[in-house]
């Protein structure tokens, strides 16, 4: 009874987050729902093993299973998952990262950022999403995406630099028109 109650609480709280996470990867509602259901079925089957690790571990586990299910689905569809980025320049990126993300952003800038995010590769989009939309720490992100914390920071840094460059170009174009 305790297992069912605990599982139901996790399911109710996180089902839509997992669904939208999957949907952003594969963009197909029915398949996203299937992968989400499969993810929670796997959690139910292993709940007694996963739950004692704590809520953060359960959430990281859910995202990992959902991510793997999404990748498997894409492979079956003939879509090649994006390549991973090496750990080079991690120390430099880690130092510069904190300064960049602490800069204040207006609502207009956030809207502009969403427009340029389409130019960032899917691996970077995933890390940006987990960090800023889901509010996860690098430790949890690294477990989900299967990369070191340093690699995740490096990918995020490069993605933010790309966004910053795209925003600068967008502003210059807008100023020339105006």
C-alpha atoms as a PDB file:
ATOM      1  CA  UNK A   1       0.000   0.000   0.000  1.00  0.00           C
ATOM      2  CA  UNK A   2       2.867   2.370   0.870  1.00  0.00           C
ATOM      3  CA  UNK A   3       4.493   1.689  -2.518  1.00  0.00           C
ATOM      4  CA  UNK A   4       1.302   2.576  -4.373  1.00  0.00           C
ATOM      5  CA  UNK A   5       0.761   5.736  -2.329  1.00  0.00           C
ATOM      6  CA  UNK A   6       4.358   6.886  -2.807  1.00  0.00           C
ATOM      7  CA  UNK A   7       4.333   6.080  -6.514  1.00  0.00           C
ATOM      8  CA  UNK A   8       1.016   7.911  -7.007  1.00  0.00           C
ATOM      9  CA  UNK A   9       2.443  11.014  -5.344  1.00  0.00           C
ATOM     10  CA  UNK A  10       5.492  10.978  -7.645  1.00  0.00           C
ATOM     11  CA  UNK A  11       3.331  10.280 -10.701  1.00  0.00           C
ATOM     12  CA  UNK A  12       0.892  13.093  -9.918  1.00  0.00           C
ATOM     13  CA  UNK A  13       3.658  15.598  -9.226  1.00  0.00           C
ATOM     14  CA  UNK A  14       5.997  14.791 -12.137  1.00  0.00           C
ATOM     15  CA  UNK A  15       3.968  13.217 -14.964  1.00  0.00           C
ATOM     16  CA  UNK A  16       3.470  16.416 -16.949  1.00  0.00           C
ATOM     17  CA  UNK A  17       7.090  17.526 -16.487  1.00  0.00           C
ATOM     18  CA  UNK A  18       8.317  14.217 -17.858  1.00  0.00           C
ATOM     19  CA  UNK A  19       5.765  14.306 -20.675  1.00  0.00           C
ATOM     20  CA  UNK A  20       6.863  17.797 -21.815  1.00  0.00           C
ATOM     21  CA  UNK A  21      10.500  16.821 -21.504  1.00  0.00           C
ATOM     22  CA  UNK A  22       9.914  13.887 -23.856  1.00  0.00           C
ATOM     23  CA  UNK A  23       7.669  15.916 -26.148  1.00  0.00           C
ATOM     24  CA  UNK A  24      10.366  18.568 -26.625  1.00  0.00           C
ATOM     25  CA  UNK A  25      12.701  15.813 -27.797  1.00  0.00           C
ATOM     26  CA  UNK A  26      10.431  13.959 -30.213  1.00  0.00           C
ATOM     27  CA  UNK A  27       7.561  16.396 -30.977  1.00  0.00           C
ATOM     28  CA  UNK A  28       4.911  13.697 -31.271  1.00  0.00           C
ATOM     29  CA  UNK A  29       2.099  13.701 -28.678  1.00  0.00           C
ATOM     30  CA  UNK A  30       1.099  10.024 -28.828  1.00  0.00           C
ATOM     31  CA  UNK A  31       4.658   8.748 -28.761  1.00  0.00           C
ATOM     32  CA  UNK A  32       5.523  11.193 -25.975  1.00  0.00           C
ATOM     33  CA  UNK A  33       2.615   9.875 -23.944  1.00  0.00           C
ATOM     34  CA  UNK A  34       3.744   6.278 -24.586  1.00  0.00           C
ATOM     35  CA  UNK A  35       7.330   7.006 -23.514  1.00  0.00           C
ATOM     36  CA  UNK A  36       6.079   8.847 -20.430  1.00  0.00           C
ATOM     37  CA  UNK A  37       3.803   5.930 -19.497  1.00  0.00           C
ATOM     38  CA  UNK A  38       6.663   3.479 -20.042  1.00  0.00           C
ATOM     39  CA  UNK A  39       8.932   5.626 -17.874  1.00  0.00           C
ATOM     40  CA  UNK A  40       6.479   5.557 -14.979  1.00  0.00           C
ATOM     41  CA  UNK A  41       5.776   1.854 -15.461  1.00  0.00           C
ATOM     42  CA  UNK A  42       9.505   1.222 -15.061  1.00  0.00           C
ATOM     43  CA  UNK A  43       9.514   3.397 -11.952  1.00  0.00           C
ATOM     44  CA  UNK A  44       6.601   1.439 -10.483  1.00  0.00           C
ATOM     45  CA  UNK A  45       8.415  -1.834 -11.150  1.00  0.00           C
ATOM     46  CA  UNK A  46      11.580  -0.551  -9.444  1.00  0.00           C
ATOM     47  CA  UNK A  47      10.003   1.844  -6.941  1.00  0.00           C
ATOM     48  CA  UNK A  48      11.194  -0.064  -3.856  1.00  0.00           C
ATOM     49  CA  UNK A  49      14.748   0.146  -5.179  1.00  0.00           C
ATOM     50  CA  UNK A  50      14.705   3.787  -6.381  1.00  0.00           C
ATOM     51  CA  UNK A  51      12.518   5.562  -3.779  1.00  0.00           C
ATOM     52  CA  UNK A  52      14.778   5.023  -0.727  1.00  0.00           C
ATOM     53  CA  UNK A  53      17.437   7.162  -2.456  1.00  0.00           C
ATOM     54  CA  UNK A  54      15.252  10.249  -2.019  1.00  0.00           C
ATOM     55  CA  UNK A  55      13.105  12.513  -4.167  1.00  0.00           C
ATOM     56  CA  UNK A  56      15.987  14.076  -6.114  1.00  0.00           C
ATOM     57  CA  UNK A  57      17.291  10.631  -7.035  1.00  0.00           C
ATOM     58  CA  UNK A  58      13.804   9.566  -8.154  1.00  0.00           C
ATOM     59  CA  UNK A  59      13.502  12.661 -10.343  1.00  0.00           C
ATOM     60  CA  UNK A  60      16.943  12.143 -11.860  1.00  0.00           C
ATOM     61  CA  UNK A  61      16.058   8.496 -12.479  1.00  0.00           C
ATOM     62  CA  UNK A  62      12.804   9.491 -14.217  1.00  0.00           C
ATOM     63  CA  UNK A  63      14.570  11.963 -16.505  1.00  0.00           C
ATOM     64  CA  UNK A  64      17.262   9.412 -17.313  1.00  0.00           C
ATOM     65  CA  UNK A  65      14.724   6.743 -18.263  1.00  0.00           C
ATOM     66  CA  UNK A  66      12.659   9.280 -20.248  1.00  0.00           C
ATOM     67  CA  UNK A  67      15.759  10.502 -22.058  1.00  0.00           C
ATOM     68  CA  UNK A  68      16.852   6.980 -22.931  1.00  0.00           C
ATOM     69  CA  UNK A  69      13.337   6.112 -24.081  1.00  0.00           C
ATOM     70  CA  UNK A  70      13.303   9.206 -26.299  1.00  0.00           C
ATOM     71  CA  UNK A  71      16.695   8.374 -27.790  1.00  0.00           C
ATOM     72  CA  UNK A  72      15.615   4.785 -28.453  1.00  0.00           C
ATOM     73  CA  UNK A  73      12.446   6.049 -30.130  1.00  0.00           C
ATOM     74  CA  UNK A  74      14.409   8.456 -32.328  1.00  0.00           C
ATOM     75  CA  UNK A  75      16.855   5.719 -33.322  1.00  0.00           C
ATOM     76  CA  UNK A  76      13.984   3.433 -34.325  1.00  0.00           C
ATOM     77  CA  UNK A  77      12.659   6.291 -36.455  1.00  0.00           C
ATOM     78  CA  UNK A  78      16.046   6.631 -38.145  1.00  0.00           C
ATOM     79  CA  UNK A  79      16.905   9.931 -36.464  1.00  0.00           C
ATOM     80  CA  UNK A  80      20.502  10.091 -35.307  1.00  0.00           C
ATOM     81  CA  UNK A  81      20.972  11.528 -31.798  1.00  0.00           C
ATOM     82  CA  UNK A  82      23.348  14.476 -31.638  1.00  0.00           C
ATOM     83  CA  UNK A  83      27.011  13.853 -30.913  1.00  0.00           C
ATOM     84  CA  UNK A  84      28.468  14.610 -27.505  1.00  0.00           C
ATOM     85  CA  UNK A  85      30.982  17.365 -26.799  1.00  0.00           C
ATOM     86  CA  UNK A  86      34.366  16.666 -25.199  1.00  0.00           C
ATOM     87  CA  UNK A  87      35.496  17.982 -21.806  1.00  0.00           C
ATOM     88  CA  UNK A  88      38.008  20.466 -23.294  1.00  0.00           C
ATOM     89  CA  UNK A  89      38.217  23.909 -21.728  1.00  0.00           C
ATOM     90  CA  UNK A  90      36.017  22.844 -18.814  1.00  0.00           C
ATOM     91  CA  UNK A  91      37.932  24.786 -16.189  1.00  0.00           C
ATOM     92  CA  UNK A  92      37.696  28.054 -18.124  1.00  0.00           C
ATOM     93  CA  UNK A  93      34.017  27.552 -18.843  1.00  0.00           C
ATOM     94  CA  UNK A  94      33.221  26.743 -15.241  1.00  0.00           C
ATOM     95  CA  UNK A  95      34.788  30.011 -14.073  1.00  0.00           C
ATOM     96  CA  UNK A  96      32.993  32.095 -16.690  1.00  0.00           C
ATOM     97  CA  UNK A  97      29.656  30.320 -16.272  1.00  0.00           C
ATOM     98  CA  UNK A  98      28.622  31.820 -12.938  1.00  0.00           C
ATOM     99  CA  UNK A  99      29.253  35.394 -14.078  1.00  0.00           C
ATOM    100  CA  UNK A 100      27.179  34.953 -17.220  1.00  0.00           C
ATOM    101  CA  UNK A 101      24.079  33.381 -15.676  1.00  0.00           C
ATOM    102  CA  UNK A 102      23.925  35.943 -12.888  1.00  0.00           C
ATOM    103  CA  UNK A 103      23.375  38.791 -15.364  1.00  0.00           C
ATOM    104  CA  UNK A 104      19.854  40.184 -15.079  1.00  0.00           C
ATOM    105  CA  UNK A 105      17.557  39.612 -18.040  1.00  0.00           C
ATOM    106  CA  UNK A 106      14.389  41.465 -18.964  1.00  0.00           C
ATOM    107  CA  UNK A 107      11.251  39.731 -20.267  1.00  0.00           C
ATOM    108  CA  UNK A 108      12.070  41.031 -23.761  1.00  0.00           C
ATOM    109  CA  UNK A 109      15.535  39.459 -23.594  1.00  0.00           C
ATOM    110  CA  UNK A 110      14.029  36.158 -22.463  1.00  0.00           C
ATOM    111  CA  UNK A 111      11.705  36.262 -25.496  1.00  0.00           C
ATOM    112  CA  UNK A 112      14.661  36.935 -27.783  1.00  0.00           C
ATOM    113  CA  UNK A 113      16.570  34.065 -26.220  1.00  0.00           C
ATOM    114  CA  UNK A 114      13.724  31.667 -26.983  1.00  0.00           C
ATOM    115  CA  UNK A 115      13.857  32.752 -30.635  1.00  0.00           C
ATOM    116  CA  UNK A 116      17.570  32.033 -31.012  1.00  0.00           C
ATOM    117  CA  UNK A 117      17.554  28.749 -29.104  1.00  0.00           C
ATOM    118  CA  UNK A 118      16.567  26.951 -32.306  1.00  0.00           C
ATOM    119  CA  UNK A 119      20.156  27.516 -33.483  1.00  0.00           C
ATOM    120  CA  UNK A 120      21.593  25.573 -30.538  1.00  0.00           C
ATOM    121  CA  UNK A 121      22.104  21.795 -30.936  1.00  0.00           C
ATOM    122  CA  UNK A 122      19.728  19.388 -29.182  1.00  0.00           C
ATOM    123  CA  UNK A 123      22.263  18.283 -26.568  1.00  0.00           C
ATOM    124  CA  UNK A 124      22.746  21.893 -25.501  1.00  0.00           C
ATOM    125  CA  UNK A 125      19.007  22.565 -25.572  1.00  0.00           C
ATOM    126  CA  UNK A 126      18.488  19.616 -23.247  1.00  0.00           C
ATOM    127  CA  UNK A 127      21.028  20.897 -20.735  1.00  0.00           C
ATOM    128  CA  UNK A 128      19.603  24.428 -20.935  1.00  0.00           C
ATOM    129  CA  UNK A 129      16.128  23.016 -20.348  1.00  0.00           C
ATOM    130  CA  UNK A 130      17.138  20.904 -17.371  1.00  0.00           C
ATOM    131  CA  UNK A 131      19.105  23.754 -15.827  1.00  0.00           C
ATOM    132  CA  UNK A 132      16.725  26.671 -16.327  1.00  0.00           C
ATOM    133  CA  UNK A 133      13.260  25.212 -16.880  1.00  0.00           C
ATOM    134  CA  UNK A 134      13.562  22.314 -14.464  1.00  0.00           C
ATOM    135  CA  UNK A 135      15.931  24.097 -12.052  1.00  0.00           C
ATOM    136  CA  UNK A 136      18.275  21.141 -11.732  1.00  0.00           C
ATOM    137  CA  UNK A 137      21.824  21.196 -10.435  1.00  0.00           C
ATOM    138  CA  UNK A 138      24.733  20.088 -12.608  1.00  0.00           C
ATOM    139  CA  UNK A 139      25.166  16.943 -10.531  1.00  0.00           C
ATOM    140  CA  UNK A 140      21.651  15.801 -11.431  1.00  0.00           C
ATOM    141  CA  UNK A 141      21.948  16.937 -15.051  1.00  0.00           C
ATOM    142  CA  UNK A 142      25.168  14.989 -15.474  1.00  0.00           C
ATOM    143  CA  UNK A 143      23.463  11.800 -14.257  1.00  0.00           C
ATOM    144  CA  UNK A 144      20.552  12.293 -16.657  1.00  0.00           C
ATOM    145  CA  UNK A 145      22.576  13.028 -19.790  1.00  0.00           C
ATOM    146  CA  UNK A 146      25.432  10.664 -18.958  1.00  0.00           C
ATOM    147  CA  UNK A 147      28.209  13.260 -19.039  1.00  0.00           C
ATOM    148  CA  UNK A 148      30.506  14.643 -16.378  1.00  0.00           C
ATOM    149  CA  UNK A 149      29.489  17.781 -14.495  1.00  0.00           C
ATOM    150  CA  UNK A 150      32.350  19.631 -16.174  1.00  0.00           C
ATOM    151  CA  UNK A 151      31.174  18.565 -19.630  1.00  0.00           C
ATOM    152  CA  UNK A 152      27.649  19.741 -18.823  1.00  0.00           C
ATOM    153  CA  UNK A 153      28.977  23.116 -17.684  1.00  0.00           C
ATOM    154  CA  UNK A 154      31.072  23.370 -20.835  1.00  0.00           C
ATOM    155  CA  UNK A 155      28.118  22.529 -23.080  1.00  0.00           C
ATOM    156  CA  UNK A 156      25.972  25.058 -21.240  1.00  0.00           C
ATOM    157  CA  UNK A 157      28.663  27.712 -21.500  1.00  0.00           C
ATOM    158  CA  UNK A 158      29.041  27.173 -25.249  1.00  0.00           C
ATOM    159  CA  UNK A 159      25.290  27.245 -25.728  1.00  0.00           C
ATOM    160  CA  UNK A 160      25.003  30.480 -23.759  1.00  0.00           C
ATOM    161  CA  UNK A 161      27.831  31.996 -25.808  1.00  0.00           C
ATOM    162  CA  UNK A 162      26.009  31.011 -29.014  1.00  0.00           C
ATOM    163  CA  UNK A 163      22.809  32.551 -27.690  1.00  0.00           C
ATOM    164  CA  UNK A 164      24.710  35.704 -26.714  1.00  0.00           C
ATOM    165  CA  UNK A 165      26.224  35.975 -30.226  1.00  0.00           C
ATOM    166  CA  UNK A 166      22.866  35.366 -31.913  1.00  0.00           C
ATOM    167  CA  UNK A 167      21.223  37.989 -29.703  1.00  0.00           C
ATOM    168  CA  UNK A 168      23.912  40.525 -30.602  1.00  0.00           C
ATOM    169  CA  UNK A 169      23.339  39.888 -34.317  1.00  0.00           C
ATOM    170  CA  UNK A 170      19.571  40.098 -33.779  1.00  0.00           C
ATOM    171  CA  UNK A 171      19.917  43.440 -31.963  1.00  0.00           C
ATOM    172  CA  UNK A 172      22.175  44.869 -34.676  1.00  0.00           C
ATOM    173  CA  UNK A 173      19.685  43.839 -37.359  1.00  0.00           C
ATOM    174  CA  UNK A 174      16.807  45.330 -35.377  1.00  0.00           C
ATOM    175  CA  UNK A 175      18.685  48.621 -34.820  1.00  0.00           C
ATOM    176  CA  UNK A 176      19.502  48.937 -38.538  1.00  0.00           C
ATOM    177  CA  UNK A 177      15.816  48.450 -39.426  1.00  0.00           C
ATOM    178  CA  UNK A 178      14.650  50.912 -36.768  1.00  0.00           C
END
